Amino acid sequence: MATVTKKQLTDRVADATGNKRVLIKDLVQRFLDEVVSELAKGNRLEFRDFGVFTVRERKPRMAQNPRTLERVAVPPKRVVKFKAGRLMSERVQKALGKPSAVVGGQAAKAAASDPTGPVR
């Protein structure tokens, strides 16, 4: 699995749109800055078919240092959660060669109503 950088993505967009790399880099950075700013305010960001970013509060807890086995108090903190949207999930599954789940449990209904039963 390869790592794709922001620079590589901006280069692709610049090539595809015919715009200058500097302009696209600035646009992408401004977009990311706005995403971070909204999440810092505690807002939920929803991009249809892409996914949803939310901020969650983690409760304080007790943990254990694996080296010393000493108990350590972990303070509460805010974390960002991401849930992939339908279109993203379908494309990733398709790219991996796996069948995507049908929304609403229709795949299970179709399998239940199939008189031949599951193919093995």
PDB file of N, CA and C in Angstrom:
ATOM      1  N   MET A   1       0.854  -1.171   0.000  1.00  0.00           N
ATOM      2  CA  MET A   1       0.000   0.000   0.000  1.00  0.00           C
ATOM      3  C   MET A   1       0.902   1.237   0.000  1.00  0.00           C
ATOM      4  N   ALA A   2       0.674   2.127  -0.919  1.00  0.00           N
ATOM      5  CA  ALA A   2       1.502   3.315  -1.070  1.00  0.00           C
ATOM      6  C   ALA A   2       0.928   4.486  -0.281  1.00  0.00           C
ATOM      7  N   THR A   3       1.807   5.414   0.058  1.00  0.00           N
ATOM      8  CA  THR A   3       1.395   6.653   0.709  1.00  0.00           C
ATOM      9  C   THR A   3       1.327   7.743  -0.348  1.00  0.00           C
ATOM     10  N   VAL A   4       0.222   8.462  -0.371  1.00  0.00           N
ATOM     11  CA  VAL A   4       0.045   9.569  -1.307  1.00  0.00           C
ATOM     12  C   VAL A   4       0.077  10.861  -0.499  1.00  0.00           C
ATOM     13  N   THR A   5       0.906  11.803  -0.918  1.00  0.00           N
ATOM     14  CA  THR A   5       1.062  13.049  -0.186  1.00  0.00           C
ATOM     15  C   THR A   5       0.130  14.132  -0.729  1.00  0.00           C
ATOM     16  N   LYS A   6       0.002  15.192   0.053  1.00  0.00           N
ATOM     17  CA  LYS A   6      -0.806  16.341  -0.378  1.00  0.00           C
ATOM     18  C   LYS A   6      -0.233  16.931  -1.664  1.00  0.00           C
ATOM     19  N   LYS A   7       1.083  16.969  -1.781  1.00  0.00           N
ATOM     20  CA  LYS A   7       1.726  17.498  -2.982  1.00  0.00           C
ATOM     21  C   LYS A   7       1.361  16.658  -4.212  1.00  0.00           C
ATOM     22  N   GLN A   8       1.378  15.359  -4.064  1.00  0.00           N
ATOM     23  CA  GLN A   8       1.020  14.492  -5.189  1.00  0.00           C
ATOM     24  C   GLN A   8      -0.430  14.713  -5.618  1.00  0.00           C
ATOM     25  N   LEU A   9      -1.315  14.850  -4.635  1.00  0.00           N
ATOM     26  CA  LEU A   9      -2.722  15.090  -4.958  1.00  0.00           C
ATOM     27  C   LEU A   9      -2.913  16.444  -5.638  1.00  0.00           C
ATOM     28  N   THR A  10      -2.241  17.468  -5.132  1.00  0.00           N
ATOM     29  CA  THR A  10      -2.388  18.785  -5.751  1.00  0.00           C
ATOM     30  C   THR A  10      -1.812  18.781  -7.162  1.00  0.00           C
ATOM     31  N   ASP A  11      -0.721  18.043  -7.388  1.00  0.00           N
ATOM     32  CA  ASP A  11      -0.155  17.930  -8.736  1.00  0.00           C
ATOM     33  C   ASP A  11      -1.145  17.263  -9.685  1.00  0.00           C
ATOM     34  N   ARG A  12      -1.819  16.222  -9.211  1.00  0.00           N
ATOM     35  CA  ARG A  12      -2.823  15.538 -10.041  1.00  0.00           C
ATOM     36  C   ARG A  12      -3.972  16.464 -10.412  1.00  0.00           C
ATOM     37  N   VAL A  13      -4.461  17.202  -9.422  1.00  0.00           N
ATOM     38  CA  VAL A  13      -5.582  18.115  -9.673  1.00  0.00           C
ATOM     39  C   VAL A  13      -5.149  19.220 -10.624  1.00  0.00           C
ATOM     40  N   ALA A  14      -3.947  19.745 -10.432  1.00  0.00           N
ATOM     41  CA  ALA A  14      -3.445  20.800 -11.314  1.00  0.00           C
ATOM     42  C   ALA A  14      -3.329  20.293 -12.747  1.00  0.00           C
ATOM     43  N   ASP A  15      -2.815  19.103 -12.914  1.00  0.00           N
ATOM     44  CA  ASP A  15      -2.696  18.524 -14.257  1.00  0.00           C
ATOM     45  C   ASP A  15      -4.069  18.282 -14.888  1.00  0.00           C
ATOM     46  N   ALA A  16      -5.008  17.789 -14.087  1.00  0.00           N
ATOM     47  CA  ALA A  16      -6.341  17.472 -14.607  1.00  0.00           C
ATOM     48  C   ALA A  16      -7.144  18.718 -14.965  1.00  0.00           C
ATOM     49  N   THR A  17      -6.933  19.806 -14.221  1.00  0.00           N
ATOM     50  CA  THR A  17      -7.721  21.019 -14.453  1.00  0.00           C
ATOM     51  C   THR A  17      -7.009  22.053 -15.308  1.00  0.00           C
ATOM     52  N   GLY A  18      -5.705  21.881 -15.478  1.00  0.00           N
ATOM     53  CA  GLY A  18      -4.949  22.856 -16.255  1.00  0.00           C
ATOM     54  C   GLY A  18      -4.622  24.110 -15.475  1.00  0.00           C
ATOM     55  N   ASN A  19      -4.846  24.105 -14.167  1.00  0.00           N
ATOM     56  CA  ASN A  19      -4.516  25.257 -13.319  1.00  0.00           C
ATOM     57  C   ASN A  19      -3.092  25.123 -12.784  1.00  0.00           C
ATOM     58  N   LYS A  20      -2.554  26.235 -12.316  1.00  0.00           N
ATOM     59  CA  LYS A  20      -1.199  26.231 -11.776  1.00  0.00           C
ATOM     60  C   LYS A  20      -1.173  25.485 -10.443  1.00  0.00           C
ATOM     61  N   ARG A  21      -0.069  24.805 -10.202  1.00  0.00           N
ATOM     62  CA  ARG A  21       0.089  24.027  -8.975  1.00  0.00           C
ATOM     63  C   ARG A  21      -0.009  24.909  -7.734  1.00  0.00           C
ATOM     64  N   VAL A  22       0.518  26.096  -7.806  1.00  0.00           N
ATOM     65  CA  VAL A  22       0.499  27.023  -6.666  1.00  0.00           C
ATOM     66  C   VAL A  22      -0.946  27.359  -6.284  1.00  0.00           C
ATOM     67  N   LEU A  23      -1.780  27.594  -7.285  1.00  0.00           N
ATOM     68  CA  LEU A  23      -3.190  27.906  -7.034  1.00  0.00           C
ATOM     69  C   LEU A  23      -3.905  26.725  -6.378  1.00  0.00           C
ATOM     70  N   ILE A  24      -3.699  25.534  -6.912  1.00  0.00           N
ATOM     71  CA  ILE A  24      -4.347  24.334  -6.369  1.00  0.00           C
ATOM     72  C   ILE A  24      -3.832  24.030  -4.966  1.00  0.00           C
ATOM     73  N   LYS A  25      -2.527  24.201  -4.748  1.00  0.00           N
ATOM     74  CA  LYS A  25      -1.953  23.970  -3.420  1.00  0.00           C
ATOM     75  C   LYS A  25      -2.592  24.904  -2.404  1.00  0.00           C
ATOM     76  N   ASP A  26      -2.735  26.164  -2.763  1.00  0.00           N
ATOM     77  CA  ASP A  26      -3.349  27.147  -1.880  1.00  0.00           C
ATOM     78  C   ASP A  26      -4.816  26.795  -1.612  1.00  0.00           C
ATOM     79  N   LEU A  27      -5.518  26.393  -2.632  1.00  0.00           N
ATOM     80  CA  LEU A  27      -6.933  26.020  -2.497  1.00  0.00           C
ATOM     81  C   LEU A  27      -7.105  24.819  -1.568  1.00  0.00           C
ATOM     82  N   VAL A  28      -6.288  23.789  -1.781  1.00  0.00           N
ATOM     83  CA  VAL A  28      -6.361  22.590  -0.939  1.00  0.00           C
ATOM     84  C   VAL A  28      -6.019  22.937   0.504  1.00  0.00           C
ATOM     85  N   GLN A  29      -4.975  23.739   0.706  1.00  0.00           N
ATOM     86  CA  GLN A  29      -4.577  24.109   2.071  1.00  0.00           C
ATOM     87  C   GLN A  29      -5.668  24.924   2.765  1.00  0.00           C
ATOM     88  N   ARG A  30      -6.278  25.852   2.049  1.00  0.00           N
ATOM     89  CA  ARG A  30      -7.367  26.645   2.640  1.00  0.00           C
ATOM     90  C   ARG A  30      -8.548  25.756   3.024  1.00  0.00           C
ATOM     91  N   PHE A  31      -8.859  24.787   2.148  1.00  0.00           N
ATOM     92  CA  PHE A  31      -9.950  23.855   2.446  1.00  0.00           C
ATOM     93  C   PHE A  31      -9.640  23.066   3.714  1.00  0.00           C
ATOM     94  N   LEU A  32      -8.439  22.512   3.802  1.00  0.00           N
ATOM     95  CA  LEU A  32      -8.056  21.738   4.980  1.00  0.00           C
ATOM     96  C   LEU A  32      -8.047  22.600   6.242  1.00  0.00           C
ATOM     97  N   ASP A  33      -7.588  23.844   6.110  1.00  0.00           N
ATOM     98  CA  ASP A  33      -7.606  24.759   7.259  1.00  0.00           C
ATOM     99  C   ASP A  33      -9.035  24.999   7.745  1.00  0.00           C
ATOM    100  N   GLU A  34      -9.980  25.142   6.823  1.00  0.00           N
ATOM    101  CA  GLU A  34     -11.383  25.342   7.201  1.00  0.00           C
ATOM    102  C   GLU A  34     -11.958  24.101   7.879  1.00  0.00           C
ATOM    103  N   VAL A  35     -11.591  22.923   7.382  1.00  0.00           N
ATOM    104  CA  VAL A  35     -12.048  21.675   8.009  1.00  0.00           C
ATOM    105  C   VAL A  35     -11.551  21.619   9.446  1.00  0.00           C
ATOM    106  N   VAL A  36     -10.262  21.889   9.648  1.00  0.00           N
ATOM    107  CA  VAL A  36      -9.687  21.862  10.995  1.00  0.00           C
ATOM    108  C   VAL A  36     -10.355  22.907  11.884  1.00  0.00           C
ATOM    109  N   SER A  37     -10.592  24.095  11.344  1.00  0.00           N
ATOM    110  CA  SER A  37     -11.208  25.173  12.108  1.00  0.00           C
ATOM    111  C   SER A  37     -12.612  24.778  12.582  1.00  0.00           C
ATOM    112  N   GLU A  38     -13.400  24.196  11.703  1.00  0.00           N
ATOM    113  CA  GLU A  38     -14.755  23.791  12.074  1.00  0.00           C
ATOM    114  C   GLU A  38     -14.750  22.662  13.096  1.00  0.00           C
ATOM    115  N   LEU A  39     -13.838  21.715  12.935  1.00  0.00           N
ATOM    116  CA  LEU A  39     -13.742  20.621  13.905  1.00  0.00           C
ATOM    117  C   LEU A  39     -13.283  21.150  15.262  1.00  0.00           C
ATOM    118  N   ALA A  40     -12.394  22.141  15.261  1.00  0.00           N
ATOM    119  CA  ALA A  40     -11.932  22.730  16.520  1.00  0.00           C
ATOM    120  C   ALA A  40     -13.078  23.420  17.266  1.00  0.00           C
ATOM    121  N   LYS A  41     -14.058  23.916  16.511  1.00  0.00           N
ATOM    122  CA  LYS A  41     -15.243  24.537  17.125  1.00  0.00           C
ATOM    123  C   LYS A  41     -16.232  23.487  17.623  1.00  0.00           C
ATOM    124  N   GLY A  42     -15.978  22.222  17.296  1.00  0.00           N
ATOM    125  CA  GLY A  42     -16.876  21.150  17.713  1.00  0.00           C
ATOM    126  C   GLY A  42     -17.984  20.874  16.723  1.00  0.00           C
ATOM    127  N   ASN A  43     -17.897  21.458  15.533  1.00  0.00           N
ATOM    128  CA  ASN A  43     -18.938  21.260  14.522  1.00  0.00           C
ATOM    129  C   ASN A  43     -18.773  19.932  13.799  1.00  0.00           C
ATOM    130  N   ARG A  44     -19.874  19.454  13.260  1.00  0.00           N
ATOM    131  CA  ARG A  44     -19.911  18.222  12.468  1.00  0.00           C
ATOM    132  C   ARG A  44     -19.799  18.623  11.004  1.00  0.00           C
ATOM    133  N   LEU A  45     -18.944  17.925  10.253  1.00  0.00           N
ATOM    134  CA  LEU A  45     -18.779  18.205   8.829  1.00  0.00           C
ATOM    135  C   LEU A  45     -19.311  17.030   8.025  1.00  0.00           C
ATOM    136  N   GLU A  46     -20.228  17.307   7.129  1.00  0.00           N
ATOM    137  CA  GLU A  46     -20.819  16.245   6.311  1.00  0.00           C
ATOM    138  C   GLU A  46     -20.591  16.546   4.839  1.00  0.00           C
ATOM    139  N   PHE A  47     -19.949  15.602   4.166  1.00  0.00           N
ATOM    140  CA  PHE A  47     -19.737  15.688   2.729  1.00  0.00           C
ATOM    141  C   PHE A  47     -20.485  14.520   2.110  1.00  0.00           C
ATOM    142  N   ARG A  48     -21.608  14.812   1.454  1.00  0.00           N
ATOM    143  CA  ARG A  48     -22.465  13.759   0.896  1.00  0.00           C
ATOM    144  C   ARG A  48     -21.670  12.769   0.062  1.00  0.00           C
ATOM    145  N   ASP A  49     -21.929  11.497   0.264  1.00  0.00           N
ATOM    146  CA  ASP A  49     -21.304  10.362  -0.418  1.00  0.00           C
ATOM    147  C   ASP A  49     -19.818  10.200  -0.115  1.00  0.00           C
ATOM    148  N   PHE A  50     -19.206  11.159   0.572  1.00  0.00           N
ATOM    149  CA  PHE A  50     -17.792  11.040   0.945  1.00  0.00           C
ATOM    150  C   PHE A  50     -17.685  10.545   2.377  1.00  0.00           C
ATOM    151  N   GLY A  51     -18.278  11.302   3.312  1.00  0.00           N
ATOM    152  CA  GLY A  51     -18.228  10.891   4.702  1.00  0.00           C
ATOM    153  C   GLY A  51     -18.549  12.018   5.653  1.00  0.00           C
ATOM    154  N   VAL A  52     -18.495  11.683   6.939  1.00  0.00           N
ATOM    155  CA  VAL A  52     -18.845  12.634   7.989  1.00  0.00           C
ATOM    156  C   VAL A  52     -17.726  12.663   9.029  1.00  0.00           C
ATOM    157  N   PHE A  53     -17.291  13.885   9.358  1.00  0.00           N
ATOM    158  CA  PHE A  53     -16.320  14.095  10.427  1.00  0.00           C
ATOM    159  C   PHE A  53     -17.068  14.609  11.649  1.00  0.00           C
ATOM    160  N   THR A  54     -16.814  14.018  12.800  1.00  0.00           N
ATOM    161  CA  THR A  54     -17.411  14.488  14.043  1.00  0.00           C
ATOM    162  C   THR A  54     -16.323  14.539  15.119  1.00  0.00           C
ATOM    163  N   VAL A  55     -16.569  15.350  16.127  1.00  0.00           N
ATOM    164  CA  VAL A  55     -15.654  15.442  17.263  1.00  0.00           C
ATOM    165  C   VAL A  55     -16.336  14.764  18.439  1.00  0.00           C
ATOM    166  N   ARG A  56     -15.611  13.862  19.089  1.00  0.00           N
ATOM    167  CA  ARG A  56     -16.134  13.154  20.258  1.00  0.00           C
ATOM    168  C   ARG A  56     -15.256  13.434  21.460  1.00  0.00           C
ATOM    169  N   GLU A  57     -15.875  13.406  22.610  1.00  0.00           N
ATOM    170  CA  GLU A  57     -15.159  13.606  23.871  1.00  0.00           C
ATOM    171  C   GLU A  57     -14.851  12.235  24.462  1.00  0.00           C
ATOM    172  N   ARG A  58     -13.574  11.963  24.691  1.00  0.00           N
ATOM    173  CA  ARG A  58     -13.193  10.719  25.362  1.00  0.00           C
ATOM    174  C   ARG A  58     -13.184  10.968  26.859  1.00  0.00           C
ATOM    175  N   LYS A  59     -13.743  10.052  27.598  1.00  0.00           N
ATOM    176  CA  LYS A  59     -13.801  10.193  29.053  1.00  0.00           C
ATOM    177  C   LYS A  59     -12.436   9.909  29.664  1.00  0.00           C
ATOM    178  N   PRO A  60     -12.181  10.477  30.845  1.00  0.00           N
ATOM    179  CA  PRO A  60     -10.923  10.143  31.523  1.00  0.00           C
ATOM    180  C   PRO A  60     -10.939   8.668  31.928  1.00  0.00           C
ATOM    181  N   ARG A  61      -9.763   8.069  31.992  1.00  0.00           N
ATOM    182  CA  ARG A  61      -9.709   6.651  32.344  1.00  0.00           C
ATOM    183  C   ARG A  61      -8.377   6.336  32.992  1.00  0.00           C
ATOM    184  N   MET A  62      -8.296   5.149  33.535  1.00  0.00           N
ATOM    185  CA  MET A  62      -7.048   4.656  34.111  1.00  0.00           C
ATOM    186  C   MET A  62      -6.427   3.681  33.114  1.00  0.00           C
ATOM    187  N   ALA A  63      -5.129   3.854  32.870  1.00  0.00           N
ATOM    188  CA  ALA A  63      -4.400   2.967  31.968  1.00  0.00           C
ATOM    189  C   ALA A  63      -3.204   2.399  32.720  1.00  0.00           C
ATOM    190  N   GLN A  64      -2.436   1.565  32.019  1.00  0.00           N
ATOM    191  CA  GLN A  64      -1.295   0.942  32.658  1.00  0.00           C
ATOM    192  C   GLN A  64      -0.073   1.073  31.760  1.00  0.00           C
ATOM    193  N   ASN A  65       1.035   1.522  32.343  1.00  0.00           N
ATOM    194  CA  ASN A  65       2.290   1.593  31.609  1.00  0.00           C
ATOM    195  C   ASN A  65       2.777   0.157  31.404  1.00  0.00           C
ATOM    196  N   PRO A  66       2.931  -0.288  30.141  1.00  0.00           N
ATOM    197  CA  PRO A  66       3.303  -1.684  29.913  1.00  0.00           C
ATOM    198  C   PRO A  66       4.699  -2.053  30.415  1.00  0.00           C
ATOM    199  N   ARG A  67       5.602  -1.069  30.518  1.00  0.00           N
ATOM    200  CA  ARG A  67       6.952  -1.358  31.007  1.00  0.00           C
ATOM    201  C   ARG A  67       7.008  -1.520  32.514  1.00  0.00           C
ATOM    202  N   THR A  68       6.409  -0.560  33.198  1.00  0.00           N
ATOM    203  CA  THR A  68       6.518  -0.548  34.660  1.00  0.00           C
ATOM    204  C   THR A  68       5.289  -1.129  35.345  1.00  0.00           C
ATOM    205  N   LEU A  69       4.224  -1.351  34.579  1.00  0.00           N
ATOM    206  CA  LEU A  69       2.930  -1.832  35.098  1.00  0.00           C
ATOM    207  C   LEU A  69       2.310  -0.852  36.083  1.00  0.00           C
ATOM    208  N   GLU A  70       2.793   0.378  36.062  1.00  0.00           N
ATOM    209  CA  GLU A  70       2.267   1.421  36.929  1.00  0.00           C
ATOM    210  C   GLU A  70       0.944   1.937  36.363  1.00  0.00           C
ATOM    211  N   ARG A  71      -0.021   2.190  37.220  1.00  0.00           N
ATOM    212  CA  ARG A  71      -1.311   2.736  36.808  1.00  0.00           C
ATOM    213  C   ARG A  71      -1.151   4.228  36.550  1.00  0.00           C
ATOM    214  N   VAL A  72      -1.739   4.685  35.444  1.00  0.00           N
ATOM    215  CA  VAL A  72      -1.602   6.080  35.040  1.00  0.00           C
ATOM    216  C   VAL A  72      -2.979   6.633  34.702  1.00  0.00           C
ATOM    217  N   ALA A  73      -3.249   7.843  35.162  1.00  0.00           N
ATOM    218  CA  ALA A  73      -4.520   8.497  34.843  1.00  0.00           C
ATOM    219  C   ALA A  73      -4.403   9.154  33.469  1.00  0.00           C
ATOM    220  N   VAL A  74      -5.352   8.834  32.577  1.00  0.00           N
ATOM    221  CA  VAL A  74      -5.379   9.443  31.246  1.00  0.00           C
ATOM    222  C   VAL A  74      -6.490  10.495  31.259  1.00  0.00           C
ATOM    223  N   PRO A  75      -6.137  11.747  30.969  1.00  0.00           N
ATOM    224  CA  PRO A  75      -7.151  12.811  31.032  1.00  0.00           C
ATOM    225  C   PRO A  75      -8.147  12.721  29.866  1.00  0.00           C
ATOM    226  N   PRO A  76      -9.278  13.410  29.994  1.00  0.00           N
ATOM    227  CA  PRO A  76     -10.237  13.413  28.879  1.00  0.00           C
ATOM    228  C   PRO A  76      -9.640  14.166  27.694  1.00  0.00           C
ATOM    229  N   LYS A  77     -10.078  13.797  26.494  1.00  0.00           N
ATOM    230  CA  LYS A  77      -9.611  14.528  25.325  1.00  0.00           C
ATOM    231  C   LYS A  77     -10.641  14.435  24.214  1.00  0.00           C
ATOM    232  N   ARG A  78     -10.519  15.365  23.282  1.00  0.00           N
ATOM    233  CA  ARG A  78     -11.414  15.398  22.128  1.00  0.00           C
ATOM    234  C   ARG A  78     -10.710  14.703  20.965  1.00  0.00           C
ATOM    235  N   VAL A  79     -11.432  13.828  20.276  1.00  0.00           N
ATOM    236  CA  VAL A  79     -10.876  13.110  19.134  1.00  0.00           C
ATOM    237  C   VAL A  79     -11.797  13.288  17.933  1.00  0.00           C
ATOM    238  N   VAL A  80     -11.217  13.215  16.742  1.00  0.00           N
ATOM    239  CA  VAL A  80     -11.990  13.333  15.512  1.00  0.00           C
ATOM    240  C   VAL A  80     -12.322  11.929  15.011  1.00  0.00           C
ATOM    241  N   LYS A  81     -13.581  11.719  14.704  1.00  0.00           N
ATOM    242  CA  LYS A  81     -14.049  10.452  14.149  1.00  0.00           C
ATOM    243  C   LYS A  81     -14.471  10.690  12.715  1.00  0.00           C
ATOM    244  N   PHE A  82     -14.248   9.696  11.862  1.00  0.00           N
ATOM    245  CA  PHE A  82     -14.663   9.797  10.470  1.00  0.00           C
ATOM    246  C   PHE A  82     -15.452   8.552  10.109  1.00  0.00           C
ATOM    247  N   LYS A  83     -16.600   8.759   9.489  1.00  0.00           N
ATOM    248  CA  LYS A  83     -17.399   7.646   9.001  1.00  0.00           C
ATOM    249  C   LYS A  83     -17.527   7.814   7.498  1.00  0.00           C
ATOM    250  N   ALA A  84     -17.048   6.827   6.770  1.00  0.00           N
ATOM    251  CA  ALA A  84     -17.069   6.892   5.309  1.00  0.00           C
ATOM    252  C   ALA A  84     -18.494   6.891   4.785  1.00  0.00           C
ATOM    253  N   GLY A  85     -18.708   7.652   3.732  1.00  0.00           N
ATOM    254  CA  GLY A  85     -20.013   7.718   3.086  1.00  0.00           C
ATOM    255  C   GLY A  85     -20.245   6.534   2.161  1.00  0.00           C
ATOM    256  N   ARG A  86     -21.448   6.451   1.643  1.00  0.00           N
ATOM    257  CA  ARG A  86     -21.856   5.330   0.803  1.00  0.00           C
ATOM    258  C   ARG A  86     -20.989   5.200  -0.448  1.00  0.00           C
ATOM    259  N   LEU A  87     -20.827   6.283  -1.177  1.00  0.00           N
ATOM    260  CA  LEU A  87     -20.069   6.234  -2.423  1.00  0.00           C
ATOM    261  C   LEU A  87     -18.614   5.854  -2.170  1.00  0.00           C
ATOM    262  N   MET A  88     -18.011   6.428  -1.138  1.00  0.00           N
ATOM    263  CA  MET A  88     -16.624   6.088  -0.823  1.00  0.00           C
ATOM    264  C   MET A  88     -16.509   4.616  -0.465  1.00  0.00           C
ATOM    265  N   SER A  89     -17.397   4.124   0.364  1.00  0.00           N
ATOM    266  CA  SER A  89     -17.356   2.723   0.767  1.00  0.00           C
ATOM    267  C   SER A  89     -17.484   1.803  -0.438  1.00  0.00           C
ATOM    268  N   GLU A  90     -18.422   2.119  -1.334  1.00  0.00           N
ATOM    269  CA  GLU A  90     -18.627   1.287  -2.524  1.00  0.00           C
ATOM    270  C   GLU A  90     -17.392   1.272  -3.412  1.00  0.00           C
ATOM    271  N   ARG A  91     -16.795   2.437  -3.636  1.00  0.00           N
ATOM    272  CA  ARG A  91     -15.616   2.501  -4.514  1.00  0.00           C
ATOM    273  C   ARG A  91     -14.418   1.781  -3.912  1.00  0.00           C
ATOM    274  N   VAL A  92     -14.234   1.904  -2.608  1.00  0.00           N
ATOM    275  CA  VAL A  92     -13.110   1.221  -1.958  1.00  0.00           C
ATOM    276  C   VAL A  92     -13.313  -0.290  -2.029  1.00  0.00           C
ATOM    277  N   GLN A  93     -14.518  -0.745  -1.752  1.00  0.00           N
ATOM    278  CA  GLN A  93     -14.801  -2.173  -1.817  1.00  0.00           C
ATOM    279  C   GLN A  93     -14.604  -2.709  -3.234  1.00  0.00           C
ATOM    280  N   LYS A  94     -15.056  -1.938  -4.224  1.00  0.00           N
ATOM    281  CA  LYS A  94     -14.916  -2.348  -5.621  1.00  0.00           C
ATOM    282  C   LYS A  94     -13.438  -2.415  -6.002  1.00  0.00           C
ATOM    283  N   ALA A  95     -12.651  -1.438  -5.556  1.00  0.00           N
ATOM    284  CA  ALA A  95     -11.222  -1.408  -5.859  1.00  0.00           C
ATOM    285  C   ALA A  95     -10.492  -2.587  -5.218  1.00  0.00           C
ATOM    286  N   LEU A  96     -10.991  -3.037  -4.079  1.00  0.00           N
ATOM    287  CA  LEU A  96     -10.389  -4.185  -3.395  1.00  0.00           C
ATOM    288  C   LEU A  96     -10.893  -5.509  -3.955  1.00  0.00           C
ATOM    289  N   GLY A  97     -11.860  -5.439  -4.872  1.00  0.00           N
ATOM    290  CA  GLY A  97     -12.402  -6.649  -5.471  1.00  0.00           C
ATOM    291  C   GLY A  97     -13.406  -7.367  -4.600  1.00  0.00           C
ATOM    292  N   LYS A  98     -13.947  -6.660  -3.622  1.00  0.00           N
ATOM    293  CA  LYS A  98     -14.931  -7.257  -2.724  1.00  0.00           C
ATOM    294  C   LYS A  98     -16.308  -6.728  -3.091  1.00  0.00           C
ATOM    295  N   PRO A  99     -17.329  -7.568  -2.994  1.00  0.00           N
ATOM    296  CA  PRO A  99     -18.684  -7.061  -3.265  1.00  0.00           C
ATOM    297  C   PRO A  99     -19.114  -6.119  -2.161  1.00  0.00           C
ATOM    298  N   SER A 100     -19.765  -5.039  -2.548  1.00  0.00           N
ATOM    299  CA  SER A 100     -20.231  -4.087  -1.549  1.00  0.00           C
ATOM    300  C   SER A 100     -21.571  -4.529  -0.995  1.00  0.00           C
ATOM    301  N   ALA A 101     -21.819  -4.182   0.248  1.00  0.00           N
ATOM    302  CA  ALA A 101     -23.081  -4.516   0.894  1.00  0.00           C
ATOM    303  C   ALA A 101     -24.182  -3.626   0.326  1.00  0.00           C
ATOM    304  N   VAL A 102     -25.340  -4.210   0.118  1.00  0.00           N
ATOM    305  CA  VAL A 102     -26.467  -3.435  -0.377  1.00  0.00           C
ATOM    306  C   VAL A 102     -27.085  -2.704   0.795  1.00  0.00           C
ATOM    307  N   VAL A 103     -27.387  -1.423   0.607  1.00  0.00           N
ATOM    308  CA  VAL A 103     -27.929  -0.590   1.673  1.00  0.00           C
ATOM    309  C   VAL A 103     -29.321  -1.074   2.044  1.00  0.00           C
ATOM    310  N   GLY A 104     -29.622  -1.060   3.336  1.00  0.00           N
ATOM    311  CA  GLY A 104     -30.965  -1.386   3.819  1.00  0.00           C
ATOM    312  C   GLY A 104     -31.198  -2.869   4.017  1.00  0.00           C
ATOM    313  N   GLY A 105     -30.151  -3.668   3.979  1.00  0.00           N
ATOM    314  CA  GLY A 105     -30.309  -5.087   4.226  1.00  0.00           C
ATOM    315  C   GLY A 105     -30.975  -5.844   3.093  1.00  0.00           C
ATOM    316  N   GLN A 106     -31.015  -5.267   1.910  1.00  0.00           N
ATOM    317  CA  GLN A 106     -31.674  -5.922   0.786  1.00  0.00           C
ATOM    318  C   GLN A 106     -30.930  -7.170   0.341  1.00  0.00           C
ATOM    319  N   ALA A 107     -29.613  -7.223   0.546  1.00  0.00           N
ATOM    320  CA  ALA A 107     -28.843  -8.399   0.173  1.00  0.00           C
ATOM    321  C   ALA A 107     -29.280  -9.589   1.011  1.00  0.00           C
ATOM    322  N   ALA A 108     -29.515  -9.365   2.312  1.00  0.00           N
ATOM    323  CA  ALA A 108     -29.959 -10.438   3.191  1.00  0.00           C
ATOM    324  C   ALA A 108     -31.358 -10.893   2.809  1.00  0.00           C
ATOM    325  N   LYS A 109     -32.239  -9.943   2.461  1.00  0.00           N
ATOM    326  CA  LYS A 109     -33.597 -10.298   2.047  1.00  0.00           C
ATOM    327  C   LYS A 109     -33.570 -11.106   0.761  1.00  0.00           C
ATOM    328  N   ALA A 110     -32.715 -10.692  -0.177  1.00  0.00           N
ATOM    329  CA  ALA A 110     -32.623 -11.399  -1.451  1.00  0.00           C
ATOM    330  C   ALA A 110     -32.094 -12.811  -1.240  1.00  0.00           C
ATOM    331  N   ALA A 111     -31.123 -12.966  -0.359  1.00  0.00           N
ATOM    332  CA  ALA A 111     -30.563 -14.279  -0.081  1.00  0.00           C
ATOM    333  C   ALA A 111     -31.592 -15.177   0.607  1.00  0.00           C
ATOM    334  N   ALA A 112     -32.399 -14.596   1.489  1.00  0.00           N
ATOM    335  CA  ALA A 112     -33.408 -15.366   2.202  1.00  0.00           C
ATOM    336  C   ALA A 112     -34.512 -15.831   1.273  1.00  0.00           C
ATOM    337  N   SER A 113     -34.822 -15.015   0.258  1.00  0.00           N
ATOM    338  CA  SER A 113     -35.909 -15.366  -0.637  1.00  0.00           C
ATOM    339  C   SER A 113     -35.456 -16.238  -1.799  1.00  0.00           C
ATOM    340  N   ASP A 114     -34.142 -16.497  -1.931  1.00  0.00           N
ATOM    341  CA  ASP A 114     -33.605 -17.320  -3.002  1.00  0.00           C
ATOM    342  C   ASP A 114     -33.892 -18.787  -2.689  1.00  0.00           C
ATOM    343  N   PRO A 115     -34.693 -19.485  -3.523  1.00  0.00           N
ATOM    344  CA  PRO A 115     -35.051 -20.868  -3.229  1.00  0.00           C
ATOM    345  C   PRO A 115     -33.868 -21.824  -3.348  1.00  0.00           C
ATOM    346  N   THR A 116     -32.846 -21.472  -4.089  1.00  0.00           N
ATOM    347  CA  THR A 116     -31.701 -22.368  -4.260  1.00  0.00           C
ATOM    348  C   THR A 116     -30.762 -22.334  -3.084  1.00  0.00           C
ATOM    349  N   GLY A 117     -30.911 -21.313  -2.238  1.00  0.00           N
ATOM    350  CA  GLY A 117     -30.056 -21.185  -1.059  1.00  0.00           C
ATOM    351  C   GLY A 117     -28.708 -20.617  -1.428  1.00  0.00           C
ATOM    352  N   PRO A 118     -27.833 -20.501  -0.448  1.00  0.00           N
ATOM    353  CA  PRO A 118     -26.524 -19.920  -0.714  1.00  0.00           C
ATOM    354  C   PRO A 118     -25.669 -20.862  -1.567  1.00  0.00           C
ATOM    355  N   VAL A 119     -24.886 -20.262  -2.433  1.00  0.00           N
ATOM    356  CA  VAL A 119     -23.987 -21.039  -3.279  1.00  0.00           C
ATOM    357  C   VAL A 119     -22.719 -21.282  -2.505  1.00  0.00           C
ATOM    358  N   ARG A 120     -22.296 -22.540  -2.457  1.00  0.00           N
ATOM    359  CA  ARG A 120     -21.070 -22.883  -1.713  1.00  0.00           C
ATOM    360  C   ARG A 120     -20.040 -23.465  -2.637  1.00  0.00           C
TER     361      ARG A 120
END
